[in-house]
PDB file of N, CA and C in Angstrom:
ATOM      1  N   MET A   1     -13.760  16.503  22.144  1.00  0.00           N
ATOM      2  CA  MET A   1     -12.565  15.693  22.301  1.00  0.00           C
ATOM      3  C   MET A   1     -11.470  16.884  22.171  1.00  0.00           C
ATOM      4  N   PRO A   2     -10.448  16.942  22.929  1.00  0.00           N
ATOM      5  CA  PRO A   2      -9.413  17.818  22.852  1.00  0.00           C
ATOM      6  C   PRO A   2      -8.451  17.155  22.025  1.00  0.00           C
ATOM      7  N   THR A   3      -7.799  18.063  20.974  1.00  0.00           N
ATOM      8  CA  THR A   3      -6.793  17.727  20.157  1.00  0.00           C
ATOM      9  C   THR A   3      -5.404  17.725  20.693  1.00  0.00           C
ATOM     10  N   LYS A   4      -4.513  16.871  20.615  1.00  0.00           N
ATOM     11  CA  LYS A   4      -3.244  17.037  21.032  1.00  0.00           C
ATOM     12  C   LYS A   4      -2.485  17.544  19.965  1.00  0.00           C
ATOM     13  N   LYS A   5      -1.617  18.596  20.420  1.00  0.00           N
ATOM     14  CA  LYS A   5      -0.578  18.930  19.226  1.00  0.00           C
ATOM     15  C   LYS A   5       0.653  18.142  19.048  1.00  0.00           C
ATOM     16  N   ARG A   6       0.775  17.827  17.773  1.00  0.00           N
ATOM     17  CA  ARG A   6       1.827  16.757  17.569  1.00  0.00           C
ATOM     18  C   ARG A   6       3.195  17.502  17.511  1.00  0.00           C
ATOM     19  N   SER A   7       4.258  16.869  18.190  1.00  0.00           N
ATOM     20  CA  SER A   7       5.484  17.246  18.378  1.00  0.00           C
ATOM     21  C   SER A   7       6.262  17.144  16.993  1.00  0.00           C
ATOM     22  N   VAL A   8       7.091  17.858  16.467  1.00  0.00           N
ATOM     23  CA  VAL A   8       7.750  17.769  15.235  1.00  0.00           C
ATOM     24  C   VAL A   8       9.341  17.346  15.668  1.00  0.00           C
ATOM     25  N   PRO A   9       9.857  16.339  15.069  1.00  0.00           N
ATOM     26  CA  PRO A   9      11.140  15.860  15.273  1.00  0.00           C
ATOM     27  C   PRO A   9      12.117  16.753  15.140  1.00  0.00           C
ATOM     28  N   THR A  10      13.310  16.837  15.819  1.00  0.00           N
ATOM     29  CA  THR A  10      14.419  17.661  15.572  1.00  0.00           C
ATOM     30  C   THR A  10      15.221  17.134  14.485  1.00  0.00           C
ATOM     31  N   ARG A  11      15.967  18.079  13.786  1.00  0.00           N
ATOM     32  CA  ARG A  11      16.864  17.694  12.623  1.00  0.00           C
ATOM     33  C   ARG A  11      17.919  16.858  13.113  1.00  0.00           C
ATOM     34  N   ARG A  12      18.459  17.147  14.299  1.00  0.00           N
ATOM     35  CA  ARG A  12      19.662  16.532  14.905  1.00  0.00           C
ATOM     36  C   ARG A  12      19.229  15.846  16.092  1.00  0.00           C
ATOM     37  N   ASP A  13      20.053  14.604  16.483  1.00  0.00           N
ATOM     38  CA  ASP A  13      19.767  13.975  17.634  1.00  0.00           C
ATOM     39  C   ASP A  13      20.742  14.511  18.692  1.00  0.00           C
ATOM     40  N   LEU A  14      20.510  14.529  19.940  1.00  0.00           N
ATOM     41  CA  LEU A  14      21.246  15.140  20.987  1.00  0.00           C
ATOM     42  C   LEU A  14      22.248  14.059  21.588  1.00  0.00           C
ATOM     43  N   GLY A  15      22.176  13.035  20.688  1.00  0.00           N
ATOM     44  CA  GLY A  15      23.414  12.013  21.152  1.00  0.00           C
ATOM     45  C   GLY A  15      22.963  11.082  22.328  1.00  0.00           C
ATOM     46  N   LEU A  16      21.715  11.033  22.886  1.00  0.00           N
ATOM     47  CA  LEU A  16      21.290  10.497  23.876  1.00  0.00           C
ATOM     48  C   LEU A  16      20.814   8.840  23.345  1.00  0.00           C
ATOM     49  N   ARG A  17      20.401   8.986  22.152  1.00  0.00           N
ATOM     50  CA  ARG A  17      19.899   7.586  21.529  1.00  0.00           C
ATOM     51  C   ARG A  17      19.911   7.753  20.000  1.00  0.00           C
ATOM     52  N   GLY A  18      20.397   6.791  19.335  1.00  0.00           N
ATOM     53  CA  GLY A  18      20.239   7.005  17.715  1.00  0.00           C
ATOM     54  C   GLY A  18      21.589   7.645  17.326  1.00  0.00           C
ATOM     55  N   LYS A  19      21.449   8.081  16.100  1.00  0.00           N
ATOM     56  CA  LYS A  19      22.760   8.618  15.249  1.00  0.00           C
ATOM     57  C   LYS A  19      22.278   9.923  14.983  1.00  0.00           C
ATOM     58  N   THR A  20      23.399  10.773  14.519  1.00  0.00           N
ATOM     59  CA  THR A  20      23.359  12.306  14.032  1.00  0.00           C
ATOM     60  C   THR A  20      23.415  12.150  12.484  1.00  0.00           C
ATOM     61  N   TYR A  21      22.539  12.693  11.906  1.00  0.00           N
ATOM     62  CA  TYR A  21      22.347  12.710  10.191  1.00  0.00           C
ATOM     63  C   TYR A  21      22.968  13.873   9.694  1.00  0.00           C
ATOM     64  N   ALA A  22      23.847  13.900   8.669  1.00  0.00           N
ATOM     65  CA  ALA A  22      24.242  15.151   8.195  1.00  0.00           C
ATOM     66  C   ALA A  22      23.447  15.518   6.923  1.00  0.00           C
ATOM     67  N   ARG A  23      23.300  16.691   6.438  1.00  0.00           N
ATOM     68  CA  ARG A  23      22.625  17.016   5.426  1.00  0.00           C
ATOM     69  C   ARG A  23      23.104  16.585   4.215  1.00  0.00           C
ATOM     70  N   VAL A  24      22.472  16.475   3.010  1.00  0.00           N
ATOM     71  CA  VAL A  24      22.974  15.772   1.892  1.00  0.00           C
ATOM     72  C   VAL A  24      23.716  16.945   1.035  1.00  0.00           C
ATOM     73  N   PRO A  25      24.594  16.688   0.418  1.00  0.00           N
ATOM     74  CA  PRO A  25      25.329  17.847  -0.194  1.00  0.00           C
ATOM     75  C   PRO A  25      24.644  18.322  -1.252  1.00  0.00           C
ATOM     76  N   LEU A  26      24.689  19.507  -1.750  1.00  0.00           N
ATOM     77  CA  LEU A  26      23.548  20.128  -2.871  1.00  0.00           C
ATOM     78  C   LEU A  26      24.125  19.388  -4.275  1.00  0.00           C
ATOM     79  N   ASN A  27      25.276  19.025  -4.488  1.00  0.00           N
ATOM     80  CA  ASN A  27      25.598  18.298  -5.706  1.00  0.00           C
ATOM     81  C   ASN A  27      25.112  16.813  -5.772  1.00  0.00           C
ATOM     82  N   LYS A  28      24.735  16.225  -4.844  1.00  0.00           N
ATOM     83  CA  LYS A  28      24.167  15.015  -4.808  1.00  0.00           C
ATOM     84  C   LYS A  28      22.671  14.937  -5.362  1.00  0.00           C
ATOM     85  N   LYS A  29      22.167  13.986  -6.310  1.00  0.00           N
ATOM     86  CA  LYS A  29      20.871  13.893  -6.428  1.00  0.00           C
ATOM     87  C   LYS A  29      20.059  13.188  -5.391  1.00  0.00           C
ATOM     88  N   SER A  30      19.147  13.760  -4.829  1.00  0.00           N
ATOM     89  CA  SER A  30      18.386  13.021  -3.843  1.00  0.00           C
ATOM     90  C   SER A  30      16.879  12.938  -3.955  1.00  0.00           C
ATOM     91  N   GLY A  31      16.349  12.588  -5.279  1.00  0.00           N
ATOM     92  CA  GLY A  31      15.208  12.477  -5.548  1.00  0.00           C
ATOM     93  C   GLY A  31      14.429  11.231  -5.162  1.00  0.00           C
ATOM     94  N   PRO A  32      13.071  11.189  -5.416  1.00  0.00           N
ATOM     95  CA  PRO A  32      12.331  10.080  -4.780  1.00  0.00           C
ATOM     96  C   PRO A  32      12.828   8.846  -5.278  1.00  0.00           C
ATOM     97  N   ARG A  33      12.842   7.748  -4.591  1.00  0.00           N
ATOM     98  CA  ARG A  33      13.075   6.411  -5.210  1.00  0.00           C
ATOM     99  C   ARG A  33      11.849   5.628  -4.954  1.00  0.00           C
ATOM    100  N   GLN A  34      11.676   4.686  -5.922  1.00  0.00           N
ATOM    101  CA  GLN A  34      10.726   3.661  -5.950  1.00  0.00           C
ATOM    102  C   GLN A  34      11.098   2.509  -4.883  1.00  0.00           C
ATOM    103  N   THR A  35      10.481   2.371  -4.015  1.00  0.00           N
ATOM    104  CA  THR A  35      10.774   1.177  -2.953  1.00  0.00           C
ATOM    105  C   THR A  35       9.845   0.001  -3.032  1.00  0.00           C
ATOM    106  N   LEU A  36       8.695   0.111  -3.629  1.00  0.00           N
ATOM    107  CA  LEU A  36       7.860  -0.776  -3.675  1.00  0.00           C
ATOM    108  C   LEU A  36       7.852  -1.409  -5.212  1.00  0.00           C
ATOM    109  N   THR A  37       8.476  -2.644  -5.417  1.00  0.00           N
ATOM    110  CA  THR A  37       8.513  -3.226  -6.958  1.00  0.00           C
ATOM    111  C   THR A  37       7.341  -4.025  -7.377  1.00  0.00           C
ATOM    112  N   ARG A  38       6.426  -4.391  -6.524  1.00  0.00           N
ATOM    113  CA  ARG A  38       5.207  -5.033  -6.885  1.00  0.00           C
ATOM    114  C   ARG A  38       4.043  -4.372  -6.419  1.00  0.00           C
ATOM    115  N   PHE A  39       2.957  -4.518  -7.006  1.00  0.00           N
ATOM    116  CA  PHE A  39       1.670  -3.733  -6.513  1.00  0.00           C
ATOM    117  C   PHE A  39       1.019  -4.387  -5.427  1.00  0.00           C
ATOM    118  N   THR A  40       0.950  -3.614  -4.370  1.00  0.00           N
ATOM    119  CA  THR A  40       0.434  -3.991  -3.139  1.00  0.00           C
ATOM    120  C   THR A  40      -0.812  -3.384  -2.639  1.00  0.00           C
ATOM    121  N   VAL A  41      -1.697  -4.296  -2.238  1.00  0.00           N
ATOM    122  CA  VAL A  41      -2.896  -3.864  -1.718  1.00  0.00           C
ATOM    123  C   VAL A  41      -3.152  -4.066  -0.181  1.00  0.00           C
ATOM    124  N   LEU A  42      -3.552  -3.144   0.585  1.00  0.00           N
ATOM    125  CA  LEU A  42      -3.993  -3.206   1.972  1.00  0.00           C
ATOM    126  C   LEU A  42      -5.441  -3.018   2.304  1.00  0.00           C
ATOM    127  N   TRP A  43      -5.877  -3.836   3.183  1.00  0.00           N
ATOM    128  CA  TRP A  43      -7.307  -3.886   3.565  1.00  0.00           C
ATOM    129  C   TRP A  43      -7.466  -3.340   4.928  1.00  0.00           C
ATOM    130  N   VAL A  44      -7.925  -2.165   5.310  1.00  0.00           N
ATOM    131  CA  VAL A  44      -7.837  -1.616   6.614  1.00  0.00           C
ATOM    132  C   VAL A  44      -9.341  -1.136   7.139  1.00  0.00           C
ATOM    133  N   ASN A  45      -9.416  -1.055   8.265  1.00  0.00           N
ATOM    134  CA  ASN A  45     -10.731  -0.119   8.542  1.00  0.00           C
ATOM    135  C   ASN A  45     -10.477   1.278   8.764  1.00  0.00           C
ATOM    136  N   ASN A  46     -11.689   1.903   9.254  1.00  0.00           N
ATOM    137  CA  ASN A  46     -11.775   3.441   8.929  1.00  0.00           C
ATOM    138  C   ASN A  46     -10.479   3.927   9.883  1.00  0.00           C
ATOM    139  N   ALA A  47     -10.041   3.267  11.170  1.00  0.00           N
ATOM    140  CA  ALA A  47      -8.924   3.706  11.837  1.00  0.00           C
ATOM    141  C   ALA A  47      -7.622   3.434  11.227  1.00  0.00           C
ATOM    142  N   GLY A  48      -7.548   2.670  10.117  1.00  0.00           N
ATOM    143  CA  GLY A  48      -6.252   2.340   9.509  1.00  0.00           C
ATOM    144  C   GLY A  48      -5.561   1.112  10.058  1.00  0.00           C
ATOM    145  N   VAL A  49      -6.395   0.408  10.915  1.00  0.00           N
ATOM    146  CA  VAL A  49      -5.916  -0.873  11.574  1.00  0.00           C
ATOM    147  C   VAL A  49      -6.328  -2.010  10.422  1.00  0.00           C
ATOM    148  N   PRO A  50      -5.154  -2.873  10.004  1.00  0.00           N
ATOM    149  CA  PRO A  50      -5.522  -4.068   8.996  1.00  0.00           C
ATOM    150  C   PRO A  50      -6.738  -4.962   9.524  1.00  0.00           C
ATOM    151  N   PHE A  51      -7.411  -5.578   8.737  1.00  0.00           N
ATOM    152  CA  PHE A  51      -8.370  -6.695   8.849  1.00  0.00           C
ATOM    153  C   PHE A  51      -7.611  -7.992   8.948  1.00  0.00           C
ATOM    154  N   VAL A  52      -8.183  -8.994   9.628  1.00  0.00           N
ATOM    155  CA  VAL A  52      -7.584 -10.241   9.670  1.00  0.00           C
ATOM    156  C   VAL A  52      -8.154 -10.889   8.237  1.00  0.00           C
ATOM    157  N   THR A  53      -7.354 -11.173   7.273  1.00  0.00           N
ATOM    158  CA  THR A  53      -7.969 -11.554   5.923  1.00  0.00           C
ATOM    159  C   THR A  53      -7.545 -12.980   5.611  1.00  0.00           C
ATOM    160  N   SER A  54      -7.247 -13.782   6.564  1.00  0.00           N
ATOM    161  CA  SER A  54      -6.664 -15.097   6.081  1.00  0.00           C
ATOM    162  C   SER A  54      -7.851 -15.774   5.152  1.00  0.00           C
ATOM    163  N   GLY A  55      -7.545 -16.231   4.162  1.00  0.00           N
ATOM    164  CA  GLY A  55      -8.380 -16.991   3.270  1.00  0.00           C
ATOM    165  C   GLY A  55      -9.084 -15.919   2.179  1.00  0.00           C
ATOM    166  N   PHE A  56      -8.875 -14.734   2.262  1.00  0.00           N
ATOM    167  CA  PHE A  56      -9.333 -13.745   1.353  1.00  0.00           C
ATOM    168  C   PHE A  56      -8.438 -13.744   0.118  1.00  0.00           C
ATOM    169  N   THR A  57      -9.085 -13.304  -1.044  1.00  0.00           N
ATOM    170  CA  THR A  57      -8.282 -13.371  -2.174  1.00  0.00           C
ATOM    171  C   THR A  57      -8.624 -11.936  -2.911  1.00  0.00           C
ATOM    172  N   CYS A  58      -7.729 -11.484  -3.623  1.00  0.00           N
ATOM    173  CA  CYS A  58      -7.959 -10.220  -4.444  1.00  0.00           C
ATOM    174  C   CYS A  58      -7.561 -10.430  -6.080  1.00  0.00           C
ATOM    175  N   ARG A  59      -8.562  -9.919  -6.897  1.00  0.00           N
ATOM    176  CA  ARG A  59      -8.368 -10.275  -8.263  1.00  0.00           C
ATOM    177  C   ARG A  59      -8.155  -8.743  -8.975  1.00  0.00           C
ATOM    178  N   ALA A  60      -7.017  -8.586  -9.880  1.00  0.00           N
ATOM    179  CA  ALA A  60      -7.072  -7.515 -10.577  1.00  0.00           C
ATOM    180  C   ALA A  60      -7.239  -7.789 -11.927  1.00  0.00           C
ATOM    181  N   SER A  61      -8.244  -6.921 -12.410  1.00  0.00           N
ATOM    182  CA  SER A  61      -8.454  -7.100 -13.984  1.00  0.00           C
ATOM    183  C   SER A  61      -8.434  -5.683 -14.409  1.00  0.00           C
ATOM    184  N   SER A  62      -8.640  -5.727 -15.807  1.00  0.00           N
ATOM    185  CA  SER A  62      -8.654  -4.566 -16.813  1.00  0.00           C
ATOM    186  C   SER A  62      -9.995  -3.914 -16.686  1.00  0.00           C
ATOM    187  N   THR A  63     -10.114  -2.661 -16.970  1.00  0.00           N
ATOM    188  CA  THR A  63     -11.495  -2.078 -17.118  1.00  0.00           C
ATOM    189  C   THR A  63     -12.390  -2.843 -18.002  1.00  0.00           C
ATOM    190  N   GLY A  64     -11.839  -3.448 -18.903  1.00  0.00           N
ATOM    191  CA  GLY A  64     -12.501  -4.224 -20.016  1.00  0.00           C
ATOM    192  C   GLY A  64     -12.977  -5.757 -19.526  1.00  0.00           C
ATOM    193  N   GLY A  65     -12.471  -6.088 -18.355  1.00  0.00           N
ATOM    194  CA  GLY A  65     -13.011  -7.349 -17.632  1.00  0.00           C
ATOM    195  C   GLY A  65     -12.013  -8.329 -17.796  1.00  0.00           C
ATOM    196  N   THR A  66     -10.767  -8.269 -18.471  1.00  0.00           N
ATOM    197  CA  THR A  66      -9.748  -9.460 -18.626  1.00  0.00           C
ATOM    198  C   THR A  66      -9.001  -9.495 -17.305  1.00  0.00           C
ATOM    199  N   LEU A  67      -8.973 -10.731 -16.785  1.00  0.00           N
ATOM    200  CA  LEU A  67      -8.299 -10.866 -15.634  1.00  0.00           C
ATOM    201  C   LEU A  67      -6.709 -10.769 -15.698  1.00  0.00           C
ATOM    202  N   ILE A  68      -6.054 -10.082 -15.025  1.00  0.00           N
ATOM    203  CA  ILE A  68      -4.550  -9.865 -15.105  1.00  0.00           C
ATOM    204  C   ILE A  68      -3.934 -10.597 -14.012  1.00  0.00           C
ATOM    205  N   ALA A  69      -4.248 -10.560 -12.803  1.00  0.00           N
ATOM    206  CA  ALA A  69      -3.676 -11.330 -11.764  1.00  0.00           C
ATOM    207  C   ALA A  69      -4.537 -11.665 -10.585  1.00  0.00           C
ATOM    208  N   THR A  70      -4.141 -12.692  -9.629  1.00  0.00           N
ATOM    209  CA  THR A  70      -4.768 -12.808  -8.444  1.00  0.00           C
ATOM    210  C   THR A  70      -3.867 -13.111  -7.336  1.00  0.00           C
ATOM    211  N   ALA A  71      -4.054 -12.460  -6.274  1.00  0.00           N
ATOM    212  CA  ALA A  71      -3.118 -12.540  -4.924  1.00  0.00           C
ATOM    213  C   ALA A  71      -3.896 -12.854  -3.844  1.00  0.00           C
ATOM    214  N   ASN A  72      -3.285 -13.838  -2.946  1.00  0.00           N
ATOM    215  CA  ASN A  72      -4.035 -14.030  -1.756  1.00  0.00           C
ATOM    216  C   ASN A  72      -3.586 -12.982  -0.670  1.00  0.00           C
ATOM    217  N   PHE A  73      -4.534 -12.702   0.301  1.00  0.00           N
ATOM    218  CA  PHE A  73      -4.411 -11.867   1.295  1.00  0.00           C
ATOM    219  C   PHE A  73      -3.671 -12.580   2.362  1.00  0.00           C
ATOM    220  N   ASP A  74      -2.642 -12.074   3.305  1.00  0.00           N
ATOM    221  CA  ASP A  74      -2.249 -12.814   4.489  1.00  0.00           C
ATOM    222  C   ASP A  74      -3.007 -12.353   5.697  1.00  0.00           C
ATOM    223  N   ALA A  75      -2.536 -12.844   6.769  1.00  0.00           N
ATOM    224  CA  ALA A  75      -3.529 -12.596   7.806  1.00  0.00           C
ATOM    225  C   ALA A  75      -3.433 -11.134   8.411  1.00  0.00           C
ATOM    226  N   PHE A  76      -2.497 -10.229   7.672  1.00  0.00           N
ATOM    227  CA  PHE A  76      -2.390  -8.796   8.179  1.00  0.00           C
ATOM    228  C   PHE A  76      -3.175  -8.095   7.099  1.00  0.00           C
ATOM    229  N   GLY A  77      -3.968  -8.342   6.395  1.00  0.00           N
ATOM    230  CA  GLY A  77      -4.686  -7.357   5.488  1.00  0.00           C
ATOM    231  C   GLY A  77      -3.761  -7.028   4.147  1.00  0.00           C
ATOM    232  N   THR A  78      -2.744  -7.686   3.666  1.00  0.00           N
ATOM    233  CA  THR A  78      -1.859  -7.345   2.862  1.00  0.00           C
ATOM    234  C   THR A  78      -2.049  -8.363   1.697  1.00  0.00           C
ATOM    235  N   ALA A  79      -2.009  -7.969   0.355  1.00  0.00           N
ATOM    236  CA  ALA A  79      -1.941  -8.794  -0.676  1.00  0.00           C
ATOM    237  C   ALA A  79      -0.958  -8.144  -1.756  1.00  0.00           C
ATOM    238  N   VAL A  80      -0.062  -9.016  -2.187  1.00  0.00           N
ATOM    239  CA  VAL A  80       1.123  -8.479  -3.079  1.00  0.00           C
ATOM    240  C   VAL A  80       0.965  -9.274  -4.285  1.00  0.00           C
ATOM    241  N   PHE A  81       0.855  -8.533  -5.558  1.00  0.00           N
ATOM    242  CA  PHE A  81       0.690  -9.123  -6.790  1.00  0.00           C
ATOM    243  C   PHE A  81       2.163  -9.208  -7.363  1.00  0.00           C
ATOM    244  N   SER A  82       2.537 -10.503  -7.410  1.00  0.00           N
ATOM    245  CA  SER A  82       3.806 -10.634  -7.722  1.00  0.00           C
ATOM    246  C   SER A  82       4.159 -10.326  -9.413  1.00  0.00           C
ATOM    247  N   THR A  83       3.127 -10.321 -10.107  1.00  0.00           N
ATOM    248  CA  THR A  83       3.311 -10.179 -11.588  1.00  0.00           C
ATOM    249  C   THR A  83       2.913  -8.684 -12.159  1.00  0.00           C
ATOM    250  N   ILE A  84       2.589  -7.769 -11.095  1.00  0.00           N
ATOM    251  CA  ILE A  84       2.068  -6.412 -11.478  1.00  0.00           C
ATOM    252  C   ILE A  84       3.385  -5.552 -10.941  1.00  0.00           C
ATOM    253  N   ASN A  85       4.099  -5.006 -11.908  1.00  0.00           N
ATOM    254  CA  ASN A  85       5.193  -4.097 -11.533  1.00  0.00           C
ATOM    255  C   ASN A  85       4.612  -2.629 -11.371  1.00  0.00           C
ATOM    256  N   THR A  86       5.555  -1.887 -10.400  1.00  0.00           N
ATOM    257  CA  THR A  86       4.930  -0.673 -10.088  1.00  0.00           C
ATOM    258  C   THR A  86       5.991   0.465 -10.531  1.00  0.00           C
ATOM    259  N   PRO A  87       5.641   1.697 -10.868  1.00  0.00           N
ATOM    260  CA  PRO A  87       4.310   2.065 -10.907  1.00  0.00           C
ATOM    261  C   PRO A  87       3.324   1.326 -11.954  1.00  0.00           C
ATOM    262  N   THR A  88       1.937   1.193 -11.627  1.00  0.00           N
ATOM    263  CA  THR A  88       1.190   0.528 -12.587  1.00  0.00           C
ATOM    264  C   THR A  88       0.956   1.129 -13.832  1.00  0.00           C
ATOM    265  N   THR A  89       0.744   0.623 -14.984  1.00  0.00           N
ATOM    266  CA  THR A  89       0.707   1.281 -16.263  1.00  0.00           C
ATOM    267  C   THR A  89      -0.590   1.343 -16.810  1.00  0.00           C
ATOM    268  N   ARG A  90      -1.664   0.792 -16.127  1.00  0.00           N
ATOM    269  CA  ARG A  90      -3.028   0.821 -16.490  1.00  0.00           C
ATOM    270  C   ARG A  90      -3.944   0.911 -15.364  1.00  0.00           C
ATOM    271  N   THR A  91      -5.241   1.214 -15.604  1.00  0.00           N
ATOM    272  CA  THR A  91      -6.177   1.190 -14.595  1.00  0.00           C
ATOM    273  C   THR A  91      -6.531  -0.206 -14.315  1.00  0.00           C
ATOM    274  N   LEU A  92      -6.615  -0.308 -12.990  1.00  0.00           N
ATOM    275  CA  LEU A  92      -7.060  -1.817 -12.532  1.00  0.00           C
ATOM    276  C   LEU A  92      -8.334  -1.718 -11.788  1.00  0.00           C
ATOM    277  N   VAL A  93      -9.242  -2.741 -11.940  1.00  0.00           N
ATOM    278  CA  VAL A  93     -10.467  -3.142 -11.292  1.00  0.00           C
ATOM    279  C   VAL A  93     -10.116  -4.115 -10.235  1.00  0.00           C
ATOM    280  N   LEU A  94     -10.034  -3.813  -9.037  1.00  0.00           N
ATOM    281  CA  LEU A  94      -9.803  -4.932  -7.691  1.00  0.00           C
ATOM    282  C   LEU A  94     -10.997  -5.370  -7.252  1.00  0.00           C
ATOM    283  N   ARG A  95     -11.219  -6.757  -7.110  1.00  0.00           N
ATOM    284  CA  ARG A  95     -12.307  -7.374  -6.500  1.00  0.00           C
ATOM    285  C   ARG A  95     -11.769  -8.289  -5.480  1.00  0.00           C
ATOM    286  N   THR A  96     -12.380  -8.202  -4.289  1.00  0.00           N
ATOM    287  CA  THR A  96     -11.977  -9.112  -3.210  1.00  0.00           C
ATOM    288  C   THR A  96     -12.897 -10.050  -2.847  1.00  0.00           C
ATOM    289  N   PHE A  97     -12.644 -11.149  -2.522  1.00  0.00           N
ATOM    290  CA  PHE A  97     -13.459 -12.469  -2.182  1.00  0.00           C
ATOM    291  C   PHE A  97     -13.061 -13.234  -0.858  1.00  0.00           C
ATOM    292  N   ASP A  98     -14.003 -13.647  -0.334  1.00  0.00           N
ATOM    293  CA  ASP A  98     -13.740 -14.562   0.806  1.00  0.00           C
ATOM    294  C   ASP A  98     -13.319 -15.924   0.334  1.00  0.00           C
ATOM    295  N   GLU A  99     -13.115 -17.038   1.271  1.00  0.00           N
ATOM    296  CA  GLU A  99     -12.676 -18.323   0.870  1.00  0.00           C
ATOM    297  C   GLU A  99     -13.854 -18.994   0.057  1.00  0.00           C
ATOM    298  N   ASP A 100     -15.088 -18.608   0.397  1.00  0.00           N
ATOM    299  CA  ASP A 100     -16.275 -19.235  -0.420  1.00  0.00           C
ATOM    300  C   ASP A 100     -16.605 -18.711  -1.430  1.00  0.00           C
ATOM    301  N   GLY A 101     -15.932 -17.655  -2.217  1.00  0.00           N
ATOM    302  CA  GLY A 101     -15.903 -16.908  -3.423  1.00  0.00           C
ATOM    303  C   GLY A 101     -17.079 -15.830  -3.399  1.00  0.00           C
ATOM    304  N   ASN A 102     -17.514 -15.403  -2.124  1.00  0.00           N
ATOM    305  CA  ASN A 102     -18.508 -14.381  -2.019  1.00  0.00           C
ATOM    306  C   ASN A 102     -17.663 -12.811  -2.104  1.00  0.00           C
ATOM    307  N   LEU A 103     -18.258 -12.023  -2.980  1.00  0.00           N
ATOM    308  CA  LEU A 103     -17.717 -10.792  -3.397  1.00  0.00           C
ATOM    309  C   LEU A 103     -17.796  -9.792  -2.283  1.00  0.00           C
ATOM    310  N   PHE A 104     -16.769  -9.259  -1.844  1.00  0.00           N
ATOM    311  CA  PHE A 104     -16.727  -8.067  -0.635  1.00  0.00           C
ATOM    312  C   PHE A 104     -16.709  -6.833  -1.235  1.00  0.00           C
ATOM    313  N   ARG A 105     -15.607  -6.422  -1.897  1.00  0.00           N
ATOM    314  CA  ARG A 105     -15.491  -5.142  -2.230  1.00  0.00           C
ATOM    315  C   ARG A 105     -15.171  -5.055  -3.858  1.00  0.00           C
ATOM    316  N   THR A 106     -15.387  -3.881  -4.527  1.00  0.00           N
ATOM    317  CA  THR A 106     -14.905  -3.693  -5.871  1.00  0.00           C
ATOM    318  C   THR A 106     -14.327  -2.299  -5.850  1.00  0.00           C
ATOM    319  N   ARG A 107     -13.118  -2.082  -6.221  1.00  0.00           N
ATOM    320  CA  ARG A 107     -12.566  -0.716  -6.213  1.00  0.00           C
ATOM    321  C   ARG A 107     -11.731  -0.663  -7.623  1.00  0.00           C
ATOM    322  N   THR A 108     -11.837   0.721  -8.048  1.00  0.00           N
ATOM    323  CA  THR A 108     -11.047   0.932  -9.320  1.00  0.00           C
ATOM    324  C   THR A 108      -9.745   1.720  -8.891  1.00  0.00           C
ATOM    325  N   VAL A 109      -8.653   1.369  -9.517  1.00  0.00           N
ATOM    326  CA  VAL A 109      -7.544   2.102  -9.093  1.00  0.00           C
ATOM    327  C   VAL A 109      -6.836   2.621 -10.401  1.00  0.00           C
ATOM    328  N   ARG A 110      -6.554   3.963 -10.282  1.00  0.00           N
ATOM    329  CA  ARG A 110      -5.896   4.526 -11.426  1.00  0.00           C
ATOM    330  C   ARG A 110      -4.498   4.204 -11.703  1.00  0.00           C
ATOM    331  N   SER A 111      -3.881   4.338 -12.848  1.00  0.00           N
ATOM    332  CA  SER A 111      -2.600   3.895 -13.238  1.00  0.00           C
ATOM    333  C   SER A 111      -1.564   4.914 -12.613  1.00  0.00           C
ATOM    334  N   GLY A 112      -0.323   4.534 -12.434  1.00  0.00           N
ATOM    335  CA  GLY A 112       0.599   5.244 -11.790  1.00  0.00           C
ATOM    336  C   GLY A 112       0.831   5.067 -10.380  1.00  0.00           C
ATOM    337  N   VAL A 113       0.266   3.892  -9.600  1.00  0.00           N
ATOM    338  CA  VAL A 113       0.576   3.759  -8.196  1.00  0.00           C
ATOM    339  C   VAL A 113       1.177   2.481  -7.951  1.00  0.00           C
ATOM    340  N   SER A 114       1.689   2.615  -6.784  1.00  0.00           N
ATOM    341  CA  SER A 114       2.447   1.436  -6.225  1.00  0.00           C
ATOM    342  C   SER A 114       1.647   0.467  -5.056  1.00  0.00           C
ATOM    343  N   ALA A 115       1.086   1.241  -4.379  1.00  0.00           N
ATOM    344  CA  ALA A 115       0.079   0.514  -3.398  1.00  0.00           C
ATOM    345  C   ALA A 115      -1.236   1.232  -3.418  1.00  0.00           C
ATOM    346  N   TYR A 116      -2.364   0.447  -2.901  1.00  0.00           N
ATOM    347  CA  TYR A 116      -3.642   0.825  -2.839  1.00  0.00           C
ATOM    348  C   TYR A 116      -4.324   0.346  -1.644  1.00  0.00           C
ATOM    349  N   ALA A 117      -4.891   1.278  -0.614  1.00  0.00           N
ATOM    350  CA  ALA A 117      -5.581   0.718   0.655  1.00  0.00           C
ATOM    351  C   ALA A 117      -7.125   0.675   0.248  1.00  0.00           C
ATOM    352  N   ILE A 118      -7.622  -0.531   0.565  1.00  0.00           N
ATOM    353  CA  ILE A 118      -9.303  -0.569   0.579  1.00  0.00           C
ATOM    354  C   ILE A 118      -9.636  -0.150   1.981  1.00  0.00           C
ATOM    355  N   ILE A 119     -10.377   0.845   2.146  1.00  0.00           N
ATOM    356  CA  ILE A 119     -10.746   1.319   3.481  1.00  0.00           C
ATOM    357  C   ILE A 119     -12.136   0.930   3.666  1.00  0.00           C
ATOM    358  N   GLY A 120     -12.362   0.153   4.811  1.00  0.00           N
ATOM    359  CA  GLY A 120     -13.793  -0.450   5.196  1.00  0.00           C
ATOM    360  C   GLY A 120     -13.941  -1.718   4.554  1.00  0.00           C
TER     361      GLY A 120
END
């Protein structure tokens, strides 16, 4: 299967569509910013396409087994834990269940992350 070479976007727009962006001055701080404020879990297949996860639930617990929070998946493979701030401060064990309570996946997430993708 031949691979396509991916094109790199230009720094400036030619004015045909969109806007022109100037460089950030050197005296301004432009470090990374935290955009996700709540811990988010995505459940995707091997190609990165989200599963249809209506009725599924995700439980986050500590490594000792204490339940920390529970979040429901939406139809687009996303579960947002409204009580877990990011970046996380502890290691989490995620367990996903269907609406009948059957365990599907168990994953361990290290501390210091904002989002996690369950693949497969």
